[in-house]
C-alpha atoms as a PDB file:
ATOM      1  CA  MET A   1      -0.117  -0.020  -0.041  1.00  0.00           C
ATOM      2  CA  TYR A   2       2.835   2.381   0.826  1.00  0.00           C
ATOM      3  CA  SER A   3       6.359   2.766  -0.851  1.00  0.00           C
ATOM      4  CA  ALA A   4       9.349   2.052   1.260  1.00  0.00           C
ATOM      5  CA  ALA A   5      10.034   5.817   1.687  1.00  0.00           C
ATOM      6  CA  ALA A   6       6.454   6.553   2.697  1.00  0.00           C
ATOM      7  CA  ALA A   7       6.519   3.751   5.301  1.00  0.00           C
ATOM      8  CA  GLU A   8       9.543   5.381   6.521  1.00  0.00           C
ATOM      9  CA  ILE A   9       8.365   8.679   6.862  1.00  0.00           C
ATOM     10  CA  ALA A  10       5.097   7.385   8.577  1.00  0.00           C
ATOM     11  CA  ALA A  11       7.197   5.683  11.270  1.00  0.00           C
ATOM     12  CA  GLU A  12       9.488   8.627  11.862  1.00  0.00           C
ATOM     13  CA  ILE A  13       6.375  10.974  12.506  1.00  0.00           C
ATOM     14  CA  GLY A  14       5.034   8.422  14.820  1.00  0.00           C
ATOM     15  CA  LEU A  15       1.938   7.283  12.976  1.00  0.00           C
ATOM     16  CA  ALA A  16       0.430   3.988  14.638  1.00  0.00           C
ATOM     17  CA  LYS A  17      -0.598   1.174  12.451  1.00  0.00           C
ATOM     18  CA  GLY A  18      -4.375   0.331  12.942  1.00  0.00           C
ATOM     19  CA  LYS A  19      -6.932  -2.152  11.625  1.00  0.00           C
ATOM     20  CA  ALA A  20      -8.898  -2.029   8.756  1.00  0.00           C
ATOM     21  CA  ASN A  21     -12.138   0.073   9.154  1.00  0.00           C
ATOM     22  CA  LEU A  22     -14.226  -2.993   8.309  1.00  0.00           C
ATOM     23  CA  GLU A  23     -12.750  -4.669  11.580  1.00  0.00           C
ATOM     24  CA  VAL A  24     -13.558  -1.526  13.517  1.00  0.00           C
ATOM     25  CA  PHE A  25     -17.193  -1.425  12.101  1.00  0.00           C
ATOM     26  CA  ALA A  26     -17.800  -5.119  13.289  1.00  0.00           C
ATOM     27  CA  SER A  27     -16.429  -4.845  16.629  1.00  0.00           C
ATOM     28  CA  THR A  28     -18.354  -1.487  17.086  1.00  0.00           C
ATOM     29  CA  MET A  29     -21.579  -3.453  15.991  1.00  0.00           C
ATOM     30  CA  GLU A  30     -20.862  -6.144  18.627  1.00  0.00           C
ATOM     31  CA  GLU A  31     -20.395  -3.518  21.322  1.00  0.00           C
ATOM     32  CA  MET A  32     -23.669  -1.798  20.485  1.00  0.00           C
ATOM     33  CA  ALA A  33     -25.490  -4.962  20.150  1.00  0.00           C
ATOM     34  CA  ALA A  34     -24.567  -6.144  23.628  1.00  0.00           C
ATOM     35  CA  SER A  35     -26.543  -3.488  25.250  1.00  0.00           C
ATOM     36  CA  ASP A  36     -29.184  -2.851  22.677  1.00  0.00           C
ATOM     37  CA  ARG A  37     -31.433  -5.655  21.154  1.00  0.00           C
ATOM     38  CA  ASN A  38     -32.604  -3.102  18.237  1.00  0.00           C
ATOM     39  CA  VAL A  39     -29.244  -2.792  16.775  1.00  0.00           C
ATOM     40  CA  VAL A  40     -29.479  -5.279  13.565  1.00  0.00           C
ATOM     41  CA  ALA A  41     -27.264  -6.028  10.630  1.00  0.00           C
ATOM     42  CA  VAL A  42     -28.850  -6.960   7.206  1.00  0.00           C
ATOM     43  CA  VAL A  43     -26.411  -8.809   4.899  1.00  0.00           C
ATOM     44  CA  SER A  44     -26.532  -9.858   1.317  1.00  0.00           C
ATOM     45  CA  ASP A  45     -24.463 -12.841   1.572  1.00  0.00           C
ATOM     46  CA  SER A  46     -21.878 -10.303   2.905  1.00  0.00           C
ATOM     47  CA  ARG A  47     -21.313 -11.403   6.675  1.00  0.00           C
ATOM     48  CA  GLY A  48     -17.866 -12.722   5.841  1.00  0.00           C
ATOM     49  CA  SER A  49     -16.624  -9.969   3.716  1.00  0.00           C
ATOM     50  CA  GLY A  50     -18.387  -7.537   6.350  1.00  0.00           C
ATOM     51  CA  LYS A  51     -16.301  -9.157   9.063  1.00  0.00           C
ATOM     52  CA  LEU A  52     -19.773  -9.795  10.823  1.00  0.00           C
ATOM     53  CA  ALA A  53     -19.581 -13.664  11.121  1.00  0.00           C
ATOM     54  CA  PRO A  54     -18.852 -13.305  14.809  1.00  0.00           C
ATOM     55  CA  PHE A  55     -21.575 -10.725  15.074  1.00  0.00           C
ATOM     56  CA  GLY A  56     -24.007 -13.399  13.766  1.00  0.00           C
ATOM     57  CA  LYS A  57     -22.779 -16.111  16.109  1.00  0.00           C
ATOM     58  CA  ALA A  58     -23.044 -13.771  19.135  1.00  0.00           C
ATOM     59  CA  TYR A  59     -26.435 -12.126  18.199  1.00  0.00           C
ATOM     60  CA  PRO A  60     -28.146 -14.566  15.663  1.00  0.00           C
ATOM     61  CA  ASP A  61     -31.614 -12.795  16.348  1.00  0.00           C
ATOM     62  CA  GLN A  62     -29.949  -9.497  15.296  1.00  0.00           C
ATOM     63  CA  LEU A  63     -28.722 -10.576  11.918  1.00  0.00           C
ATOM     64  CA  VAL A  64     -30.890 -11.059   8.822  1.00  0.00           C
ATOM     65  CA  GLU A  65     -29.643 -12.652   5.513  1.00  0.00           C
ATOM     66  CA  VAL A  66     -31.372 -11.823   2.398  1.00  0.00           C
ATOM     67  CA  GLY A  67     -29.055 -13.428  -0.015  1.00  0.00           C
ATOM     68  CA  ILE A  68     -27.470 -12.014  -2.978  1.00  0.00           C
ATOM     69  CA  ALA A  69     -30.285  -9.541  -3.503  1.00  0.00           C
ATOM     70  CA  GLU A  70     -29.373  -6.053  -2.897  1.00  0.00           C
ATOM     71  CA  GLN A  71     -32.757  -4.413  -3.784  1.00  0.00           C
ATOM     72  CA  ASN A  72     -34.429  -6.662  -1.215  1.00  0.00           C
ATOM     73  CA  LEU A  73     -31.589  -5.794   1.302  1.00  0.00           C
ATOM     74  CA  VAL A  74     -32.482  -2.109   1.235  1.00  0.00           C
ATOM     75  CA  GLY A  75     -36.291  -2.878   1.186  1.00  0.00           C
ATOM     76  CA  VAL A  76     -36.077  -5.145   4.249  1.00  0.00           C
ATOM     77  CA  SER A  77     -33.781  -2.770   6.035  1.00  0.00           C
ATOM     78  CA  ALA A  78     -36.203   0.149   5.609  1.00  0.00           C
ATOM     79  CA  GLY A  79     -39.247  -2.034   6.922  1.00  0.00           C
ATOM     80  CA  LEU A  80     -37.336  -3.033   9.894  1.00  0.00           C
ATOM     81  CA  ALA A  81     -36.157   0.925  10.517  1.00  0.00           C
ATOM     82  CA  SER A  82     -39.749   1.805  10.189  1.00  0.00           C
ATOM     83  CA  ALA A  83     -40.637  -0.584  13.107  1.00  0.00           C
ATOM     84  CA  GLY A  84     -37.948   0.929  15.398  1.00  0.00           C
ATOM     85  CA  LYS A  85     -34.766  -1.068  14.661  1.00  0.00           C
ATOM     86  CA  LYS A  86     -31.340   0.479  14.263  1.00  0.00           C
ATOM     87  CA  VAL A  87     -30.480  -1.225  10.901  1.00  0.00           C
ATOM     88  CA  PHE A  88     -27.280  -1.367   9.321  1.00  0.00           C
ATOM     89  CA  ALA A  89     -27.596  -2.577   5.531  1.00  0.00           C
ATOM     90  CA  VAL A  90     -24.251  -4.288   4.557  1.00  0.00           C
ATOM     91  CA  SER A  91     -23.209  -5.068   1.025  1.00  0.00           C
ATOM     92  CA  PRO A  92     -20.038  -4.346  -1.249  1.00  0.00           C
ATOM     93  CA  SER A  93     -20.298  -0.531  -2.066  1.00  0.00           C
ATOM     94  CA  CYS A  94     -20.539  -1.125  -5.879  1.00  0.00           C
ATOM     95  CA  PHE A  95     -23.424  -3.401  -5.764  1.00  0.00           C
ATOM     96  CA  LEU A  96     -25.287  -1.636  -2.806  1.00  0.00           C
ATOM     97  CA  THR A  97     -25.232   1.852  -4.514  1.00  0.00           C
ATOM     98  CA  ALA A  98     -25.782   0.880  -8.243  1.00  0.00           C
ATOM     99  CA  ARG A  99     -28.372  -1.849  -7.965  1.00  0.00           C
ATOM    100  CA  SER A 100     -30.322  -0.444  -5.043  1.00  0.00           C
ATOM    101  CA  LEU A 101     -30.240   3.172  -5.944  1.00  0.00           C
ATOM    102  CA  GLU A 102     -33.911   3.301  -6.403  1.00  0.00           C
ATOM    103  CA  GLN A 103     -34.665   1.661  -3.051  1.00  0.00           C
ATOM    104  CA  ILE A 104     -32.134   4.027  -1.416  1.00  0.00           C
ATOM    105  CA  LYS A 105     -34.016   6.876  -2.898  1.00  0.00           C
ATOM    106  CA  ASN A 106     -37.390   6.004  -2.165  1.00  0.00           C
ATOM    107  CA  ASP A 107     -37.484   3.401   0.618  1.00  0.00           C
ATOM    108  CA  VAL A 108     -34.772   4.903   2.680  1.00  0.00           C
ATOM    109  CA  ALA A 109     -34.347   8.693   1.978  1.00  0.00           C
ATOM    110  CA  TYR A 110     -37.584   9.971   0.752  1.00  0.00           C
ATOM    111  CA  SER A 111     -39.419   7.761   3.389  1.00  0.00           C
ATOM    112  CA  ASP A 112     -36.938   8.975   5.961  1.00  0.00           C
ATOM    113  CA  ASN A 113     -36.232   5.612   7.307  1.00  0.00           C
ATOM    114  CA  PRO A 114     -33.234   5.617   9.627  1.00  0.00           C
ATOM    115  CA  VAL A 115     -31.026   2.913   7.803  1.00  0.00           C
ATOM    116  CA  THR A 116     -27.516   2.950   7.971  1.00  0.00           C
ATOM    117  CA  LEU A 117     -26.151   1.807   4.467  1.00  0.00           C
ATOM    118  CA  VAL A 118     -22.722   0.254   4.863  1.00  0.00           C
ATOM    119  CA  GLY A 119     -20.816   0.306   1.678  1.00  0.00           C
ATOM    120  CA  ILE A 120     -17.991  -2.360   2.210  1.00  0.00           C
ATOM    121  CA  SER A 121     -14.683  -3.239   0.176  1.00  0.00           C
ATOM    122  CA  SER A 122     -15.336   0.383  -1.386  1.00  0.00           C
ATOM    123  CA  GLY A 123     -13.215   2.333  -3.949  1.00  0.00           C
ATOM    124  CA  VAL A 124     -10.820   0.192  -5.725  1.00  0.00           C
ATOM    125  CA  SER A 125     -10.236  -2.250  -2.668  1.00  0.00           C
ATOM    126  CA  TYR A 126     -11.252  -5.234  -4.826  1.00  0.00           C
ATOM    127  CA  GLY A 127      -8.188  -4.245  -6.827  1.00  0.00           C
ATOM    128  CA  ALA A 128      -7.643  -6.810  -9.969  1.00  0.00           C
ATOM    129  CA  LEU A 129     -11.386  -7.886  -9.826  1.00  0.00           C
ATOM    130  CA  GLY A 130     -11.670  -4.740 -11.791  1.00  0.00           C
ATOM    131  CA  THR A 131     -14.364  -2.074 -12.732  1.00  0.00           C
ATOM    132  CA  THR A 132     -17.234  -4.376 -12.244  1.00  0.00           C
ATOM    133  CA  HIS A 133     -16.251  -4.536  -8.454  1.00  0.00           C
ATOM    134  CA  HIS A 134     -14.977  -0.937  -7.949  1.00  0.00           C
ATOM    135  CA  SER A 135     -17.197   1.855  -6.520  1.00  0.00           C
ATOM    136  CA  LEU A 136     -16.202   4.846  -7.983  1.00  0.00           C
ATOM    137  CA  HIS A 137     -19.642   6.331  -8.658  1.00  0.00           C
ATOM    138  CA  ASP A 138     -21.095   6.218  -5.138  1.00  0.00           C
ATOM    139  CA  PHE A 139     -20.207   9.727  -3.766  1.00  0.00           C
ATOM    140  CA  ALA A 140     -21.759  11.300  -7.172  1.00  0.00           C
ATOM    141  CA  ALA A 141     -24.910   9.205  -7.005  1.00  0.00           C
ATOM    142  CA  LEU A 142     -25.503   9.495  -3.394  1.00  0.00           C
ATOM    143  CA  ARG A 143     -24.744  13.213  -2.860  1.00  0.00           C
ATOM    144  CA  ALA A 144     -27.601  13.785  -5.479  1.00  0.00           C
ATOM    145  CA  ILE A 145     -30.098  12.271  -3.296  1.00  0.00           C
ATOM    146  CA  ASN A 146     -31.851  14.546  -0.637  1.00  0.00           C
ATOM    147  CA  ASN A 147     -31.936  13.592   2.992  1.00  0.00           C
ATOM    148  CA  LEU A 148     -29.099  11.202   3.042  1.00  0.00           C
ATOM    149  CA  ILE A 149     -25.782  11.726   4.921  1.00  0.00           C
ATOM    150  CA  VAL A 150     -22.573  10.438   3.053  1.00  0.00           C
ATOM    151  CA  VAL A 151     -19.616   9.677   4.995  1.00  0.00           C
ATOM    152  CA  CYS A 152     -16.302   8.098   4.196  1.00  0.00           C
ATOM    153  CA  PRO A 153     -13.954   7.456   7.260  1.00  0.00           C
ATOM    154  CA  ALA A 154     -10.096   8.149   6.998  1.00  0.00           C
ATOM    155  CA  ASP A 155      -9.028   5.923   9.995  1.00  0.00           C
ATOM    156  CA  ASN A 156     -10.307   3.589  12.750  1.00  0.00           C
ATOM    157  CA  TYR A 157     -11.137   6.471  14.963  1.00  0.00           C
ATOM    158  CA  GLU A 158     -13.503   8.181  12.406  1.00  0.00           C
ATOM    159  CA  ALA A 159     -14.763   4.661  11.573  1.00  0.00           C
ATOM    160  CA  GLU A 160     -15.858   3.958  15.080  1.00  0.00           C
ATOM    161  CA  GLN A 161     -17.265   7.605  15.646  1.00  0.00           C
ATOM    162  CA  SER A 162     -19.203   7.534  12.292  1.00  0.00           C
ATOM    163  CA  VAL A 163     -21.016   4.012  13.198  1.00  0.00           C
ATOM    164  CA  ARG A 164     -21.864   5.130  16.710  1.00  0.00           C
ATOM    165  CA  ALA A 165     -23.221   8.543  15.497  1.00  0.00           C
ATOM    166  CA  ALA A 166     -25.270   6.881  12.685  1.00  0.00           C
ATOM    167  CA  ALA A 167     -26.815   4.705  15.299  1.00  0.00           C
ATOM    168  CA  ALA A 168     -27.774   7.696  17.539  1.00  0.00           C
ATOM    169  CA  LEU A 169     -28.896   9.959  14.805  1.00  0.00           C
ATOM    170  CA  GLU A 170     -32.018   8.157  13.509  1.00  0.00           C
ATOM    171  CA  LYS A 171     -31.563   9.639   9.931  1.00  0.00           C
ATOM    172  CA  PRO A 172     -30.441   7.749   6.716  1.00  0.00           C
ATOM    173  CA  VAL A 173     -26.855   7.419   6.516  1.00  0.00           C
ATOM    174  CA  PHE A 174     -24.353   5.923   3.992  1.00  0.00           C
ATOM    175  CA  ILE A 175     -20.882   4.968   5.334  1.00  0.00           C
ATOM    176  CA  ARG A 176     -18.015   3.726   2.993  1.00  0.00           C
ATOM    177  CA  PHE A 177     -15.351   1.284   4.369  1.00  0.00           C
ATOM    178  CA  GLY A 178     -12.395   0.027   2.424  1.00  0.00           C
ATOM    179  CA  LYS A 179     -10.347  -3.184   3.243  1.00  0.00           C
ATOM    180  CA  ALA A 180      -6.772  -1.860   4.005  1.00  0.00           C
ATOM    181  CA  PRO A 181      -5.411  -1.554   7.439  1.00  0.00           C
ATOM    182  CA  LEU A 182      -4.978   2.127   8.168  1.00  0.00           C
ATOM    183  CA  TYR A 183      -2.655   4.271  10.142  1.00  0.00           C
ATOM    184  CA  SER A 184      -4.084   6.365  13.053  1.00  0.00           C
ATOM    185  CA  LEU A 185      -4.118   9.951  11.792  1.00  0.00           C
ATOM    186  CA  GLY A 186      -3.995  11.195  15.515  1.00  0.00           C
ATOM    187  CA  LYS A 187      -5.654  14.234  17.390  1.00  0.00           C
ATOM    188  CA  GLU A 188      -8.526  12.289  18.342  1.00  0.00           C
ATOM    189  CA  SER A 189      -9.041  13.987  21.649  1.00  0.00           C
ATOM    190  CA  GLU A 190      -8.653  17.557  20.222  1.00  0.00           C
ATOM    191  CA  GLN A 191     -11.657  17.419  17.669  1.00  0.00           C
ATOM    192  CA  ALA A 192     -15.090  15.892  18.499  1.00  0.00           C
ATOM    193  CA  PHE A 193     -16.221  13.878  15.546  1.00  0.00           C
ATOM    194  CA  GLU A 194     -19.526  15.450  13.990  1.00  0.00           C
ATOM    195  CA  PHE A 195     -21.190  14.677  10.685  1.00  0.00           C
ATOM    196  CA  GLY A 196     -20.458  17.898   8.297  1.00  0.00           C
ATOM    197  CA  LYS A 197     -17.366  18.978  10.049  1.00  0.00           C
ATOM    198  CA  ALA A 198     -13.936  18.281   8.501  1.00  0.00           C
ATOM    199  CA  ARG A 199     -11.022  17.363  10.921  1.00  0.00           C
ATOM    200  CA  LEU A 200      -7.875  19.162  10.709  1.00  0.00           C
ATOM    201  CA  ILE A 201      -5.025  16.594  10.572  1.00  0.00           C
ATOM    202  CA  ARG A 202      -2.201  18.969   9.816  1.00  0.00           C
ATOM    203  CA  GLU A 203      -1.878  22.846   9.997  1.00  0.00           C
ATOM    204  CA  GLY A 204      -0.163  24.823   7.133  1.00  0.00           C
ATOM    205  CA  ASN A 205      -0.799  27.734   4.654  1.00  0.00           C
ATOM    206  CA  ASP A 206       1.516  27.208   1.689  1.00  0.00           C
ATOM    207  CA  LEU A 207      -1.043  24.648   0.292  1.00  0.00           C
ATOM    208  CA  ALA A 208      -3.869  22.352   1.414  1.00  0.00           C
ATOM    209  CA  PHE A 209      -4.556  18.808   0.686  1.00  0.00           C
ATOM    210  CA  ILE A 210      -8.458  18.147   1.209  1.00  0.00           C
ATOM    211  CA  ALA A 211      -8.973  14.480   1.156  1.00  0.00           C
ATOM    212  CA  THR A 212     -11.217  11.730   2.034  1.00  0.00           C
ATOM    213  CA  GLY A 213     -11.188   8.067   3.077  1.00  0.00           C
ATOM    214  CA  GLU A 214      -8.182   6.032   2.695  1.00  0.00           C
ATOM    215  CA  ALA A 215      -6.567   8.817   0.384  1.00  0.00           C
ATOM    216  CA  VAL A 216      -6.066  11.030   3.539  1.00  0.00           C
ATOM    217  CA  ILE A 217      -3.047   9.200   4.770  1.00  0.00           C
ATOM    218  CA  HIS A 218      -1.249   9.613   1.641  1.00  0.00           C
ATOM    219  CA  ALA A 219      -1.937  13.335   1.536  1.00  0.00           C
ATOM    220  CA  LEU A 220      -0.335  13.620   5.082  1.00  0.00           C
ATOM    221  CA  LEU A 221       2.558  11.801   3.970  1.00  0.00           C
ATOM    222  CA  ALA A 222       2.828  14.084   0.942  1.00  0.00           C
ATOM    223  CA  ALA A 223       2.617  17.039   3.352  1.00  0.00           C
ATOM    224  CA  GLU A 224       5.617  15.669   5.351  1.00  0.00           C
ATOM    225  CA  LYS A 225       7.697  14.939   2.356  1.00  0.00           C
ATOM    226  CA  LEU A 226       7.067  18.644   1.059  1.00  0.00           C
ATOM    227  CA  LYS A 227       8.309  19.963   4.314  1.00  0.00           C
ATOM    228  CA  ARG A 228      11.361  17.935   4.291  1.00  0.00           C
ATOM    229  CA  ASP A 229      12.248  18.321   0.649  1.00  0.00           C
ATOM    230  CA  GLU A 230      11.000  21.914   0.019  1.00  0.00           C
ATOM    231  CA  GLY A 231      10.505  23.602   3.300  1.00  0.00           C
ATOM    232  CA  LEU A 232       6.657  23.749   2.466  1.00  0.00           C
ATOM    233  CA  GLU A 233       3.872  23.750   5.212  1.00  0.00           C
ATOM    234  CA  ALA A 234       0.722  21.930   3.893  1.00  0.00           C
ATOM    235  CA  ARG A 235      -2.543  21.789   5.530  1.00  0.00           C
ATOM    236  CA  VAL A 236      -4.417  18.682   5.572  1.00  0.00           C
ATOM    237  CA  LEU A 237      -8.106  18.205   5.980  1.00  0.00           C
ATOM    238  CA  SER A 238      -9.941  14.852   6.361  1.00  0.00           C
ATOM    239  CA  VAL A 239     -13.452  15.475   4.909  1.00  0.00           C
ATOM    240  CA  HIS A 240     -15.094  12.467   6.404  1.00  0.00           C
ATOM    241  CA  SER A 241     -18.569  13.965   5.514  1.00  0.00           C
ATOM    242  CA  LEU A 242     -19.242  14.362   1.854  1.00  0.00           C
ATOM    243  CA  LYS A 243     -22.706  15.374   2.682  1.00  0.00           C
ATOM    244  CA  PRO A 244     -23.182  17.422   4.817  1.00  0.00           C
ATOM    245  CA  PHE A 245     -20.355  19.248   3.603  1.00  0.00           C
ATOM    246  CA  ASP A 246     -17.938  21.511   5.660  1.00  0.00           C
ATOM    247  CA  SER A 247     -17.955  24.622   3.276  1.00  0.00           C
ATOM    248  CA  GLU A 248     -16.415  26.617   5.988  1.00  0.00           C
ATOM    249  CA  ALA A 249     -13.241  24.546   6.213  1.00  0.00           C
ATOM    250  CA  VAL A 250     -12.679  24.539   2.373  1.00  0.00           C
ATOM    251  CA  LEU A 251     -13.250  28.236   2.185  1.00  0.00           C
ATOM    252  CA  SER A 252     -10.806  28.903   4.904  1.00  0.00           C
ATOM    253  CA  ALA A 253      -8.172  26.656   3.073  1.00  0.00           C
ATOM    254  CA  ALA A 254      -8.914  28.708  -0.112  1.00  0.00           C
ATOM    255  CA  ARG A 255      -8.672  32.099   1.370  1.00  0.00           C
ATOM    256  CA  GLU A 256      -5.368  30.954   3.611  1.00  0.00           C
ATOM    257  CA  CYS A 257      -3.535  28.777   1.165  1.00  0.00           C
ATOM    258  CA  LYS A 258      -1.869  29.543  -2.341  1.00  0.00           C
ATOM    259  CA  ALA A 259      -3.208  26.060  -3.747  1.00  0.00           C
ATOM    260  CA  ILE A 260      -5.475  23.284  -3.016  1.00  0.00           C
ATOM    261  CA  VAL A 261      -5.048  19.575  -4.041  1.00  0.00           C
ATOM    262  CA  THR A 262      -8.241  17.551  -3.532  1.00  0.00           C
ATOM    263  CA  VAL A 263      -7.701  13.744  -3.253  1.00  0.00           C
ATOM    264  CA  GLU A 264     -10.249  10.949  -3.376  1.00  0.00           C
ATOM    265  CA  GLU A 265     -10.640   7.154  -4.192  1.00  0.00           C
ATOM    266  CA  HIS A 266     -13.504   8.044  -6.520  1.00  0.00           C
ATOM    267  CA  MET A 267     -13.885   9.430 -10.100  1.00  0.00           C
ATOM    268  CA  VAL A 268     -13.079  13.015 -10.265  1.00  0.00           C
ATOM    269  CA  ASN A 269     -16.728  13.581 -11.701  1.00  0.00           C
ATOM    270  CA  GLY A 270     -19.145  14.252  -8.818  1.00  0.00           C
ATOM    271  CA  GLY A 271     -16.956  13.564  -5.897  1.00  0.00           C
ATOM    272  CA  LEU A 272     -14.977  15.515  -3.268  1.00  0.00           C
ATOM    273  CA  GLY A 273     -12.912  17.692  -5.742  1.00  0.00           C
ATOM    274  CA  GLU A 274     -16.098  18.907  -7.589  1.00  0.00           C
ATOM    275  CA  ALA A 275     -17.763  19.730  -4.071  1.00  0.00           C
ATOM    276  CA  CYS A 276     -14.881  21.738  -3.258  1.00  0.00           C
ATOM    277  CA  ALA A 277     -14.577  23.499  -6.563  1.00  0.00           C
ATOM    278  CA  ALA A 278     -18.187  24.361  -6.443  1.00  0.00           C
ATOM    279  CA  THR A 279     -18.006  25.790  -2.965  1.00  0.00           C
ATOM    280  CA  ILE A 280     -14.806  28.070  -3.834  1.00  0.00           C
ATOM    281  CA  LEU A 281     -16.259  29.353  -7.108  1.00  0.00           C
ATOM    282  CA  GLU A 282     -19.605  30.264  -5.573  1.00  0.00           C
ATOM    283  CA  ALA A 283     -17.761  32.351  -2.974  1.00  0.00           C
ATOM    284  CA  GLY A 284     -16.029  34.208  -5.616  1.00  0.00           C
ATOM    285  CA  ILE A 285     -12.523  33.069  -4.634  1.00  0.00           C
ATOM    286  CA  SER A 286     -10.195  33.007  -7.651  1.00  0.00           C
ATOM    287  CA  ALA A 287      -6.883  33.626  -6.308  1.00  0.00           C
ATOM    288  CA  CYS A 288      -6.167  29.996  -5.136  1.00  0.00           C
ATOM    289  CA  ALA A 289      -4.801  27.324  -7.786  1.00  0.00           C
ATOM    290  CA  PHE A 290      -6.712  24.237  -7.615  1.00  0.00           C
ATOM    291  CA  ARG A 291      -6.318  20.456  -8.752  1.00  0.00           C
ATOM    292  CA  ARG A 292      -8.379  17.435  -8.413  1.00  0.00           C
ATOM    293  CA  VAL A 293      -6.686  14.001  -7.866  1.00  0.00           C
ATOM    294  CA  GLY A 294      -8.670  10.842  -8.145  1.00  0.00           C
ATOM    295  CA  ILE A 295      -9.782   8.346 -10.766  1.00  0.00           C
ATOM    296  CA  PRO A 296     -10.048  10.137 -14.399  1.00  0.00           C
ATOM    297  CA  ASP A 297     -13.026   9.563 -16.707  1.00  0.00           C
ATOM    298  CA  GLU A 298     -11.806   6.189 -17.741  1.00  0.00           C
ATOM    299  CA  TYR A 299     -11.955   2.428 -16.571  1.00  0.00           C
ATOM    300  CA  THR A 300      -9.146   1.769 -14.323  1.00  0.00           C
ATOM    301  CA  VAL A 301      -5.838  -0.008 -14.885  1.00  0.00           C
ATOM    302  CA  THR A 302      -5.618  -3.544 -13.495  1.00  0.00           C
ATOM    303  CA  GLY A 303      -3.856  -4.058 -10.168  1.00  0.00           C
ATOM    304  CA  SER A 304      -4.022  -3.848  -6.529  1.00  0.00           C
ATOM    305  CA  GLN A 305      -5.258  -1.017  -4.833  1.00  0.00           C
ATOM    306  CA  ALA A 306      -1.786   0.275  -4.151  1.00  0.00           C
ATOM    307  CA  ASP A 307      -1.030  -0.339  -7.993  1.00  0.00           C
ATOM    308  CA  ILE A 308      -4.010   1.854  -9.050  1.00  0.00           C
ATOM    309  CA  PHE A 309      -3.304   4.383  -6.403  1.00  0.00           C
ATOM    310  CA  ARG A 310       0.365   4.819  -7.742  1.00  0.00           C
ATOM    311  CA  HIS A 311      -0.925   4.852 -11.419  1.00  0.00           C
ATOM    312  CA  TYR A 312      -3.366   7.747 -10.716  1.00  0.00           C
ATOM    313  CA  GLY A 313      -0.997   9.722  -8.361  1.00  0.00           C
ATOM    314  CA  ILE A 314      -2.731   8.978  -5.205  1.00  0.00           C
ATOM    315  CA  SER A 315       0.526   8.255  -3.275  1.00  0.00           C
ATOM    316  CA  MET A 316       2.922  10.289  -1.323  1.00  0.00           C
ATOM    317  CA  GLU A 317       5.148  10.766  -4.355  1.00  0.00           C
ATOM    318  CA  GLY A 318       2.420  11.490  -6.847  1.00  0.00           C
ATOM    319  CA  LEU A 319       0.891  13.990  -4.465  1.00  0.00           C
ATOM    320  CA  ALA A 320       4.080  15.728  -3.565  1.00  0.00           C
ATOM    321  CA  GLU A 321       4.826  16.235  -7.500  1.00  0.00           C
ATOM    322  CA  THR A 322       1.398  17.388  -8.205  1.00  0.00           C
ATOM    323  CA  ALA A 323       1.461  19.842  -5.437  1.00  0.00           C
ATOM    324  CA  LYS A 324       4.856  21.251  -6.479  1.00  0.00           C
ATOM    325  CA  ALA A 325       3.792  21.754 -10.032  1.00  0.00           C
ATOM    326  CA  LEU A 326       0.524  23.469  -9.095  1.00  0.00           C
ATOM    327  CA  LEU A 327       2.292  25.838  -6.808  1.00  0.00           C
ATOM    328  CA  SER A 328       4.869  26.670  -9.498  1.00  0.00           C
ATOM    329  CA  LYS A 329       2.118  27.737 -11.734  1.00  0.00           C
ATOM    330  CA  ALA A 330       0.616  29.706  -8.853  1.00  0.00           C
ATOM    331  CA  GLN A 331       3.531  31.778  -8.050  1.00  0.00           C
END
């Protein structure tokens, strides 16, 4: 997932290695279910890939298996939620958000049923299984649906907090989890987690990396590399909530930094970068250079998640080069 140089910098700045967010999701579900019989997982032959097999054994009356039938998954989840259950509908993100889009729109969001839609193995987590299994459209599709919170945690802290917040909120929520073990981004005690509020990971005013999900750590490592190689101070924001969106944090970065690089494991169309661009342009800010990094409008190359990240510049080295090139044009 990381180059040797990136792993070395991560170790030098004291980043702690954590678990995959999927594992944190599963353990948090078990903790919540132990004290609340209304916590229910609905799965589409996905208890294994969702790390929920132990949950099913411990709480068999709180897990519903619908088989490989994603539309039914969302419909059943909406029905259970309407009866007072705290429902987590778990399925691979590519299938959940494409096959079930109508049920998400009508049965969950429009009907205001408090289902938490959990998209697992998201982005390019499936690697060499390719385009059919990649979820690079989900931000774009779900941001366009009213009354739906869209969340993409960047580390174990954000993963646990988002699951607990979704269970307490009683509103429709979509949470996206990848498969890779993640470094802790730190500063958990300094900033309370809240949907719609970005998390400041690193301060700096020369440029800003605005990132989401598993791309955030690569932005943080790029910021450290730019400091060591160029003496630049880069701000890093983790935008775990794509909707509601922290416009204030983005506008502060646009006003205070010379350049912004957005980073996401999603197509550049309809995702974080476009949300940032619209926010900045509508505020009338034009002095800040801007670049989106993500998957371009093409079917991805074949390879592991790390291979795909490197190919499209979602890596420490790639992001540092993009930032330097953007700054050189801005000055």
